[in-house]
């Protein structure tokens, strides 16, 4: 037997979802900026390193028994350099990709918070720490308190990524 949800309940959940989304997104705007910047820088460095790799392959090319002639490294390099010369278009493309990723994870977090049965009354979100690769904030009302931590990983090998970890406490 499935439970039915009334229109009033759906409206209430939508209001809570909208309110939480607004509060959380305004709290983590600094984190979003640093995530987008890291993502863009990583992608551009990735393209630049592919040029360097091709240039190195051109210099150190040794034919295999299946290759009769040298690959056209110059054409490959010029295509990538042309792509890199349109930096504004690349940045826009990378922002779009990173923002889509960010919004998806933010929506997942808000959905998780909605499951904790918050009410819109007395609802607050406040930043409690911002230390390098960790960022945390507190979502609370008079009955429930949830700490949400953001673990952010950024480096030269993998695309910058993060995850939200939530811990619920009843007051």
N, C-alpha and C. Protein backbone atom coordinates (compact mmCIF):
# COMPACT_ATOMS: atom_id res chain seq x y z
N UNK A 1 0.84 -1.17 0.00
CA UNK A 1 0.00 0.00 0.00
C UNK A 1 0.90 1.25 0.00
N UNK A 2 0.65 2.14 -0.92
CA UNK A 2 1.47 3.35 -1.01
C UNK A 2 0.79 4.51 -0.29
N UNK A 3 1.61 5.33 0.31
CA UNK A 3 1.09 6.49 1.01
C UNK A 3 0.85 7.61 0.01
N UNK A 4 -0.25 8.32 0.18
CA UNK A 4 -0.53 9.45 -0.70
C UNK A 4 -0.13 10.73 0.00
N UNK A 5 0.35 11.66 -0.80
CA UNK A 5 0.79 12.93 -0.27
C UNK A 5 -0.20 14.00 -0.75
N UNK A 6 -0.68 14.78 0.18
CA UNK A 6 -1.66 15.81 -0.15
C UNK A 6 -0.97 16.98 -0.86
N UNK A 7 -1.79 17.79 -1.53
CA UNK A 7 -1.26 18.97 -2.20
C UNK A 7 -0.65 19.94 -1.19
N UNK A 8 -1.24 20.02 -0.03
CA UNK A 8 -0.72 20.91 1.02
C UNK A 8 0.67 20.45 1.46
N UNK A 9 0.83 19.14 1.61
CA UNK A 9 2.13 18.59 2.01
C UNK A 9 3.18 18.84 0.92
N UNK A 10 2.80 18.66 -0.33
CA UNK A 10 3.71 18.93 -1.45
C UNK A 10 4.12 20.40 -1.47
N UNK A 11 3.15 21.29 -1.25
CA UNK A 11 3.43 22.72 -1.23
C UNK A 11 4.38 23.07 -0.09
N UNK A 12 4.17 22.46 1.07
CA UNK A 12 5.02 22.70 2.24
C UNK A 12 6.45 22.23 1.96
N UNK A 13 6.61 21.05 1.37
CA UNK A 13 7.93 20.53 1.04
C UNK A 13 8.63 21.41 0.01
N UNK A 14 7.87 21.92 -0.95
CA UNK A 14 8.45 22.80 -1.96
C UNK A 14 8.92 24.10 -1.33
N UNK A 15 8.14 24.65 -0.39
CA UNK A 15 8.53 25.87 0.31
C UNK A 15 9.81 25.65 1.11
N UNK A 16 9.89 24.54 1.81
CA UNK A 16 11.07 24.21 2.59
C UNK A 16 12.28 24.05 1.68
N UNK A 17 12.07 23.33 0.58
CA UNK A 17 13.15 23.12 -0.40
C UNK A 17 13.66 24.45 -0.93
N UNK A 18 12.76 25.33 -1.32
CA UNK A 18 13.13 26.63 -1.86
C UNK A 18 13.87 27.47 -0.82
N UNK A 19 13.35 27.47 0.40
CA UNK A 19 13.97 28.26 1.48
C UNK A 19 15.37 27.72 1.81
N UNK A 20 15.49 26.40 1.94
CA UNK A 20 16.81 25.80 2.22
C UNK A 20 17.79 26.08 1.10
N UNK A 21 17.34 25.93 -0.14
CA UNK A 21 18.21 26.19 -1.29
C UNK A 21 18.73 27.61 -1.24
N UNK A 22 17.86 28.55 -0.99
CA UNK A 22 18.24 29.96 -0.94
C UNK A 22 19.24 30.22 0.18
N UNK A 23 18.96 29.71 1.37
CA UNK A 23 19.84 29.94 2.52
C UNK A 23 21.21 29.28 2.33
N UNK A 24 21.20 28.03 1.88
CA UNK A 24 22.46 27.30 1.73
C UNK A 24 23.29 27.91 0.59
N UNK A 25 22.67 28.18 -0.54
CA UNK A 25 23.44 28.72 -1.67
C UNK A 25 24.05 30.08 -1.35
N UNK A 26 23.36 30.90 -0.57
CA UNK A 26 23.94 32.19 -0.21
C UNK A 26 25.07 32.03 0.81
N UNK A 27 25.03 30.96 1.59
CA UNK A 27 26.08 30.72 2.59
C UNK A 27 27.36 30.20 1.94
N UNK A 28 27.23 29.42 0.88
CA UNK A 28 28.42 28.80 0.29
C UNK A 28 28.87 29.46 -1.01
N UNK A 29 28.49 30.70 -1.22
CA UNK A 29 28.86 31.40 -2.46
C UNK A 29 30.39 31.52 -2.60
N UNK A 30 31.11 31.73 -1.49
CA UNK A 30 32.58 31.80 -1.55
C UNK A 30 33.17 30.47 -1.98
N UNK A 31 32.61 29.39 -1.43
CA UNK A 31 33.09 28.05 -1.82
C UNK A 31 32.82 27.80 -3.30
N UNK A 32 31.65 28.20 -3.77
CA UNK A 32 31.32 28.01 -5.19
C UNK A 32 32.32 28.74 -6.07
N UNK A 33 32.66 29.97 -5.71
CA UNK A 33 33.64 30.74 -6.49
C UNK A 33 34.99 30.03 -6.55
N UNK A 34 35.45 29.52 -5.42
CA UNK A 34 36.76 28.84 -5.41
C UNK A 34 36.69 27.52 -6.18
N UNK A 35 35.56 26.82 -6.12
CA UNK A 35 35.39 25.59 -6.89
C UNK A 35 35.43 25.89 -8.38
N UNK A 36 34.68 26.90 -8.82
CA UNK A 36 34.66 27.24 -10.25
C UNK A 36 36.06 27.65 -10.73
N UNK A 37 36.74 28.47 -9.94
CA UNK A 37 38.09 28.90 -10.32
C UNK A 37 39.04 27.71 -10.44
N UNK A 38 39.00 26.80 -9.48
CA UNK A 38 39.86 25.61 -9.51
C UNK A 38 39.56 24.74 -10.71
N UNK A 39 38.28 24.58 -11.01
CA UNK A 39 37.85 23.75 -12.13
C UNK A 39 38.36 24.33 -13.45
N UNK A 40 38.19 25.64 -13.64
CA UNK A 40 38.63 26.30 -14.87
C UNK A 40 40.14 26.19 -15.02
N UNK A 41 40.87 26.49 -13.96
CA UNK A 41 42.34 26.40 -14.01
C UNK A 41 42.81 24.99 -14.33
N UNK A 42 42.16 24.00 -13.74
CA UNK A 42 42.53 22.61 -14.01
C UNK A 42 42.33 22.27 -15.48
N UNK A 43 41.18 22.63 -16.02
CA UNK A 43 40.88 22.30 -17.42
C UNK A 43 41.85 22.99 -18.40
N UNK A 44 42.19 24.23 -18.13
CA UNK A 44 43.11 24.94 -19.01
C UNK A 44 44.51 24.33 -18.92
N UNK A 45 44.94 24.00 -17.71
CA UNK A 45 46.25 23.33 -17.55
C UNK A 45 46.25 21.97 -18.25
N UNK A 46 45.13 21.30 -18.24
CA UNK A 46 45.00 20.01 -18.91
C UNK A 46 45.24 20.16 -20.41
N UNK A 47 44.68 21.19 -21.01
CA UNK A 47 44.86 21.45 -22.44
C UNK A 47 46.32 21.83 -22.73
N UNK A 48 46.86 22.71 -21.89
CA UNK A 48 48.26 23.13 -22.08
C UNK A 48 49.22 21.95 -21.95
N UNK A 49 48.94 21.05 -21.02
CA UNK A 49 49.83 19.89 -20.86
C UNK A 49 49.72 18.93 -22.04
N UNK A 50 48.55 18.87 -22.69
CA UNK A 50 48.44 18.00 -23.87
C UNK A 50 49.30 18.54 -25.01
N UNK A 51 49.43 19.86 -25.11
CA UNK A 51 50.32 20.46 -26.13
C UNK A 51 51.76 20.06 -25.83
N UNK A 52 52.17 20.22 -24.57
CA UNK A 52 53.54 19.86 -24.18
C UNK A 52 53.82 18.37 -24.42
N UNK A 53 52.83 17.54 -24.15
CA UNK A 53 53.01 16.10 -24.37
C UNK A 53 53.19 15.79 -25.86
N UNK A 54 52.39 16.43 -26.69
CA UNK A 54 52.53 16.22 -28.14
C UNK A 54 53.88 16.73 -28.65
N UNK A 55 54.32 17.87 -28.14
CA UNK A 55 55.63 18.40 -28.55
C UNK A 55 56.74 17.43 -28.14
N UNK A 56 56.62 16.88 -26.95
CA UNK A 56 57.60 15.91 -26.48
C UNK A 56 57.56 14.64 -27.33
N UNK A 57 56.35 14.17 -27.67
CA UNK A 57 56.22 12.99 -28.53
C UNK A 57 56.82 13.22 -29.91
N UNK A 58 56.68 14.43 -30.40
CA UNK A 58 57.24 14.76 -31.72
C UNK A 58 58.77 14.66 -31.68
N UNK A 59 59.36 15.21 -30.62
CA UNK A 59 60.82 15.20 -30.49
C UNK A 59 61.34 13.78 -30.27
N UNK A 60 60.67 13.01 -29.46
CA UNK A 60 61.16 11.68 -29.06
C UNK A 60 60.46 10.54 -29.80
N UNK A 61 59.89 10.83 -30.96
CA UNK A 61 59.14 9.81 -31.68
C UNK A 61 60.04 8.70 -32.21
N UNK A 62 59.62 7.48 -31.91
CA UNK A 62 60.31 6.29 -32.43
C UNK A 62 59.24 5.44 -33.11
N UNK A 63 59.43 5.16 -34.40
CA UNK A 63 58.39 4.39 -35.12
C UNK A 63 58.29 2.96 -34.59
N UNK A 64 57.05 2.47 -34.56
CA UNK A 64 56.84 1.06 -34.23
C UNK A 64 56.82 0.31 -35.55
N UNK A 65 56.73 -0.99 -35.47
CA UNK A 65 56.76 -1.76 -36.72
C UNK A 65 55.50 -1.56 -37.55
N UNK A 66 54.42 -1.00 -36.95
CA UNK A 66 53.18 -0.76 -37.69
C UNK A 66 53.12 0.64 -38.30
N UNK A 67 53.97 1.53 -37.84
CA UNK A 67 53.96 2.91 -38.34
C UNK A 67 55.04 3.08 -39.41
N UNK A 68 54.62 3.56 -40.56
CA UNK A 68 55.55 3.77 -41.66
C UNK A 68 56.06 5.22 -41.68
N UNK A 69 55.20 6.16 -41.30
CA UNK A 69 55.61 7.56 -41.32
C UNK A 69 55.27 8.22 -39.98
N UNK A 70 55.89 9.35 -39.77
CA UNK A 70 55.70 10.09 -38.53
C UNK A 70 54.30 10.72 -38.51
N UNK A 71 53.58 10.58 -37.38
CA UNK A 71 52.27 11.24 -37.28
C UNK A 71 52.41 12.75 -37.45
N UNK A 72 51.35 13.39 -37.85
CA UNK A 72 51.38 14.84 -38.08
C UNK A 72 51.16 15.59 -36.76
N UNK A 73 52.20 15.59 -35.94
CA UNK A 73 52.12 16.23 -34.62
C UNK A 73 51.81 17.72 -34.73
N UNK A 74 52.38 18.36 -35.75
CA UNK A 74 52.17 19.81 -35.91
C UNK A 74 50.69 20.15 -36.09
N UNK A 75 49.97 19.34 -36.84
CA UNK A 75 48.54 19.57 -37.04
C UNK A 75 47.78 19.40 -35.73
N UNK A 76 48.09 18.35 -35.00
CA UNK A 76 47.45 18.12 -33.70
C UNK A 76 47.71 19.28 -32.75
N UNK A 77 48.96 19.71 -32.71
CA UNK A 77 49.35 20.81 -31.83
C UNK A 77 48.64 22.10 -32.22
N UNK A 78 48.59 22.39 -33.52
CA UNK A 78 47.95 23.63 -33.96
C UNK A 78 46.44 23.62 -33.67
N UNK A 79 45.79 22.46 -33.77
CA UNK A 79 44.36 22.37 -33.43
C UNK A 79 44.12 22.69 -31.96
N UNK A 80 44.97 22.13 -31.12
CA UNK A 80 44.82 22.36 -29.68
C UNK A 80 45.14 23.82 -29.34
N UNK A 81 46.17 24.38 -29.96
CA UNK A 81 46.52 25.79 -29.73
C UNK A 81 45.40 26.72 -30.19
N UNK A 82 44.76 26.36 -31.30
CA UNK A 82 43.63 27.16 -31.79
C UNK A 82 42.48 27.11 -30.78
N UNK A 83 42.23 25.94 -30.27
CA UNK A 83 41.18 25.79 -29.26
C UNK A 83 41.53 26.63 -28.02
N UNK A 84 42.78 26.60 -27.63
CA UNK A 84 43.24 27.35 -26.45
C UNK A 84 43.23 28.86 -26.70
N UNK A 85 43.36 29.27 -27.95
CA UNK A 85 43.36 30.71 -28.26
C UNK A 85 41.98 31.34 -28.03
N UNK A 86 40.95 30.53 -28.08
CA UNK A 86 39.59 31.00 -27.78
C UNK A 86 39.31 30.83 -26.29
N UNK A 87 40.15 31.42 -25.47
CA UNK A 87 40.11 31.20 -24.03
C UNK A 87 38.77 31.60 -23.40
N UNK A 88 38.18 32.69 -23.88
CA UNK A 88 36.90 33.13 -23.31
C UNK A 88 35.80 32.09 -23.53
N UNK A 89 35.80 31.50 -24.71
CA UNK A 89 34.80 30.47 -25.00
C UNK A 89 35.06 29.23 -24.14
N UNK A 90 36.34 28.88 -24.00
CA UNK A 90 36.69 27.74 -23.14
C UNK A 90 36.26 27.99 -21.69
N UNK A 91 36.55 29.17 -21.19
CA UNK A 91 36.19 29.50 -19.81
C UNK A 91 34.68 29.41 -19.63
N UNK A 92 33.93 29.92 -20.56
CA UNK A 92 32.47 29.84 -20.49
C UNK A 92 32.00 28.38 -20.49
N UNK A 93 32.60 27.58 -21.34
CA UNK A 93 32.28 26.15 -21.41
C UNK A 93 32.59 25.46 -20.07
N UNK A 94 33.74 25.78 -19.51
CA UNK A 94 34.15 25.16 -18.24
C UNK A 94 33.29 25.64 -17.08
N UNK A 95 32.91 26.93 -17.09
CA UNK A 95 32.02 27.44 -16.05
C UNK A 95 30.68 26.72 -16.11
N UNK A 96 30.18 26.55 -17.31
CA UNK A 96 28.89 25.86 -17.48
C UNK A 96 28.97 24.43 -16.94
N UNK A 97 30.04 23.73 -17.28
CA UNK A 97 30.23 22.36 -16.81
C UNK A 97 30.34 22.29 -15.29
N UNK A 98 31.16 23.17 -14.72
CA UNK A 98 31.38 23.18 -13.27
C UNK A 98 30.11 23.61 -12.53
N UNK A 99 29.41 24.59 -13.08
CA UNK A 99 28.18 25.08 -12.44
C UNK A 99 27.10 24.01 -12.44
N UNK A 100 27.01 23.26 -13.52
CA UNK A 100 26.03 22.17 -13.59
C UNK A 100 26.35 21.12 -12.51
N UNK A 101 27.62 20.80 -12.37
CA UNK A 101 28.07 19.87 -11.34
C UNK A 101 27.73 20.41 -9.95
N UNK A 102 28.04 21.68 -9.72
CA UNK A 102 27.80 22.31 -8.43
C UNK A 102 26.31 22.31 -8.09
N UNK A 103 25.48 22.74 -9.03
CA UNK A 103 24.03 22.81 -8.79
C UNK A 103 23.45 21.42 -8.50
N UNK A 104 23.95 20.41 -9.20
CA UNK A 104 23.49 19.05 -8.97
C UNK A 104 23.77 18.60 -7.54
N UNK A 105 24.99 18.86 -7.07
CA UNK A 105 25.35 18.47 -5.71
C UNK A 105 24.62 19.31 -4.67
N UNK A 106 24.41 20.58 -4.97
CA UNK A 106 23.67 21.45 -4.05
C UNK A 106 22.22 20.98 -3.94
N UNK A 107 21.61 20.62 -5.06
CA UNK A 107 20.24 20.11 -5.02
C UNK A 107 20.16 18.80 -4.23
N UNK A 108 21.17 17.96 -4.37
CA UNK A 108 21.20 16.71 -3.59
C UNK A 108 21.30 17.00 -2.10
N UNK A 109 22.12 17.97 -1.74
CA UNK A 109 22.25 18.36 -0.33
C UNK A 109 20.93 18.89 0.20
N UNK A 110 20.30 19.78 -0.55
CA UNK A 110 19.03 20.35 -0.11
C UNK A 110 17.98 19.25 0.03
N UNK A 111 17.95 18.30 -0.89
CA UNK A 111 17.00 17.19 -0.78
C UNK A 111 17.25 16.38 0.48
N UNK A 112 18.53 16.17 0.78
CA UNK A 112 18.88 15.44 2.00
C UNK A 112 18.43 16.22 3.24
N UNK A 113 18.61 17.54 3.21
CA UNK A 113 18.19 18.37 4.34
C UNK A 113 16.67 18.37 4.50
N UNK A 114 15.94 18.37 3.38
CA UNK A 114 14.47 18.32 3.43
C UNK A 114 14.01 17.03 4.10
N UNK A 115 14.73 15.94 3.87
CA UNK A 115 14.38 14.65 4.49
C UNK A 115 14.47 14.69 6.02
N UNK A 116 15.23 15.65 6.56
CA UNK A 116 15.35 15.78 8.01
C UNK A 116 14.11 16.44 8.62
N UNK A 117 13.13 16.78 7.80
CA UNK A 117 11.84 17.33 8.25
C UNK A 117 11.98 18.71 8.90
N UNK A 118 12.77 19.57 8.30
CA UNK A 118 12.84 20.95 8.76
C UNK A 118 11.51 21.65 8.49
N UNK A 119 11.22 22.65 9.27
CA UNK A 119 10.10 23.54 8.98
C UNK A 119 10.70 24.88 8.61
N UNK A 120 9.94 25.71 7.90
CA UNK A 120 10.46 27.01 7.49
C UNK A 120 10.54 27.98 8.66
N UNK A 121 9.83 27.70 9.70
CA UNK A 121 9.84 28.58 10.88
C UNK A 121 11.16 28.46 11.63
N UNK A 122 11.76 29.58 11.96
CA UNK A 122 13.02 29.66 12.71
C UNK A 122 14.20 28.98 12.01
N UNK A 123 14.09 28.82 10.73
CA UNK A 123 15.15 28.15 9.97
C UNK A 123 16.33 29.10 9.77
N UNK A 124 17.54 28.61 10.04
CA UNK A 124 18.72 29.44 9.83
C UNK A 124 19.88 28.59 9.31
N UNK A 125 20.75 29.24 8.57
CA UNK A 125 21.97 28.61 8.06
C UNK A 125 23.11 29.56 8.37
N UNK A 126 24.14 29.05 9.05
CA UNK A 126 25.29 29.91 9.32
C UNK A 126 26.58 29.15 9.12
N UNK A 127 27.56 29.88 8.61
CA UNK A 127 28.89 29.33 8.37
C UNK A 127 29.58 29.15 9.71
N UNK A 128 30.19 27.96 9.92
CA UNK A 128 30.88 27.77 11.20
C UNK A 128 32.39 27.60 11.03
N UNK A 129 32.84 27.23 9.84
CA UNK A 129 34.28 27.18 9.62
C UNK A 129 34.59 27.21 8.14
N UNK A 130 35.77 27.70 7.84
CA UNK A 130 36.26 27.75 6.47
C UNK A 130 37.77 27.62 6.54
N UNK A 131 38.24 26.37 6.51
CA UNK A 131 39.67 26.11 6.67
C UNK A 131 40.21 25.32 5.49
N UNK A 132 40.74 26.01 4.51
CA UNK A 132 41.38 25.35 3.38
C UNK A 132 40.44 24.46 2.59
N UNK A 133 40.64 23.17 2.66
CA UNK A 133 39.85 22.23 1.87
C UNK A 133 38.58 21.78 2.59
N UNK A 134 38.36 22.27 3.80
CA UNK A 134 37.12 21.95 4.52
C UNK A 134 36.35 23.21 4.82
N UNK A 135 35.06 23.09 4.69
CA UNK A 135 34.15 24.20 4.89
C UNK A 135 32.92 23.60 5.55
N UNK A 136 32.39 24.22 6.59
CA UNK A 136 31.19 23.66 7.19
C UNK A 136 30.22 24.75 7.58
N UNK A 137 28.95 24.36 7.62
CA UNK A 137 27.91 25.29 8.02
C UNK A 137 26.84 24.52 8.77
N UNK A 138 26.03 25.26 9.51
CA UNK A 138 25.03 24.68 10.39
C UNK A 138 23.65 25.10 9.91
N UNK A 139 22.78 24.12 9.70
CA UNK A 139 21.39 24.38 9.33
C UNK A 139 20.57 24.01 10.55
N UNK A 140 19.73 24.94 11.04
CA UNK A 140 19.00 24.62 12.26
C UNK A 140 17.66 25.34 12.33
N UNK A 141 16.80 24.77 13.15
CA UNK A 141 15.60 25.45 13.61
C UNK A 141 15.51 25.12 15.09
N UNK A 142 14.38 25.25 15.72
CA UNK A 142 14.32 25.03 17.16
C UNK A 142 14.36 23.56 17.55
N UNK A 143 14.18 22.66 16.60
CA UNK A 143 14.11 21.23 16.92
C UNK A 143 15.29 20.41 16.41
N UNK A 144 15.83 20.81 15.27
CA UNK A 144 16.85 20.01 14.59
C UNK A 144 18.06 20.89 14.26
N UNK A 145 19.22 20.27 14.31
CA UNK A 145 20.44 20.95 13.91
C UNK A 145 21.23 19.98 13.03
N UNK A 146 21.63 20.43 11.86
CA UNK A 146 22.40 19.59 10.95
C UNK A 146 23.67 20.33 10.57
N UNK A 147 24.80 19.68 10.82
CA UNK A 147 26.07 20.23 10.38
C UNK A 147 26.38 19.64 9.02
N UNK A 148 26.64 20.50 8.07
CA UNK A 148 27.01 20.05 6.72
C UNK A 148 28.46 20.45 6.47
N UNK A 149 29.28 19.45 6.19
CA UNK A 149 30.70 19.70 5.91
C UNK A 149 30.95 19.47 4.42
N UNK A 150 31.80 20.31 3.89
CA UNK A 150 32.19 20.18 2.49
C UNK A 150 33.66 19.78 2.48
N UNK A 151 33.95 18.63 1.90
CA UNK A 151 35.32 18.18 1.73
C UNK A 151 35.69 18.45 0.27
N UNK A 152 36.70 19.27 0.06
CA UNK A 152 37.07 19.72 -1.28
C UNK A 152 38.44 19.17 -1.65
N UNK A 153 38.53 18.48 -2.77
CA UNK A 153 39.81 17.93 -3.25
C UNK A 153 40.17 18.61 -4.56
N UNK A 154 41.39 19.12 -4.60
CA UNK A 154 41.85 19.85 -5.78
C UNK A 154 43.33 19.56 -5.96
N UNK A 155 43.72 19.24 -7.17
CA UNK A 155 45.13 18.94 -7.42
C UNK A 155 45.47 18.98 -8.89
N UNK A 156 46.63 18.44 -9.22
CA UNK A 156 47.09 18.44 -10.61
C UNK A 156 46.65 17.22 -11.40
N UNK A 157 46.25 16.15 -10.71
CA UNK A 157 45.95 14.90 -11.40
C UNK A 157 44.46 14.74 -11.68
N UNK A 158 43.61 14.99 -10.68
CA UNK A 158 42.17 14.81 -10.83
C UNK A 158 41.44 16.14 -10.91
N UNK A 159 40.30 16.12 -11.57
CA UNK A 159 39.44 17.31 -11.66
C UNK A 159 39.01 17.69 -10.24
N UNK A 160 39.00 18.98 -9.91
CA UNK A 160 38.54 19.39 -8.58
C UNK A 160 37.13 18.84 -8.30
N UNK A 161 36.96 18.29 -7.13
CA UNK A 161 35.67 17.72 -6.75
C UNK A 161 35.48 17.86 -5.25
N UNK A 162 34.26 17.64 -4.81
CA UNK A 162 33.94 17.79 -3.40
C UNK A 162 32.74 16.92 -3.05
N UNK A 163 32.50 16.81 -1.76
CA UNK A 163 31.31 16.09 -1.30
C UNK A 163 30.79 16.76 -0.05
N UNK A 164 29.49 16.64 0.15
CA UNK A 164 28.85 17.14 1.35
C UNK A 164 28.64 15.97 2.30
N UNK A 165 28.95 16.18 3.57
CA UNK A 165 28.70 15.18 4.60
C UNK A 165 27.84 15.86 5.65
N UNK A 166 26.71 15.23 5.99
CA UNK A 166 25.80 15.85 6.96
C UNK A 166 25.73 15.02 8.23
N UNK A 167 25.58 15.71 9.35
CA UNK A 167 25.42 15.07 10.66
C UNK A 167 24.24 15.74 11.37
N UNK A 168 23.24 14.96 11.72
CA UNK A 168 22.03 15.48 12.35
C UNK A 168 22.12 15.36 13.86
N UNK A 169 21.64 16.41 14.54
CA UNK A 169 21.52 16.40 16.01
C UNK A 169 20.15 16.92 16.37
N UNK A 170 19.44 16.22 17.23
CA UNK A 170 18.16 16.72 17.75
C UNK A 170 18.45 17.63 18.92
N UNK A 171 17.74 18.74 18.99
CA UNK A 171 17.95 19.69 20.10
C UNK A 171 17.03 19.40 21.27
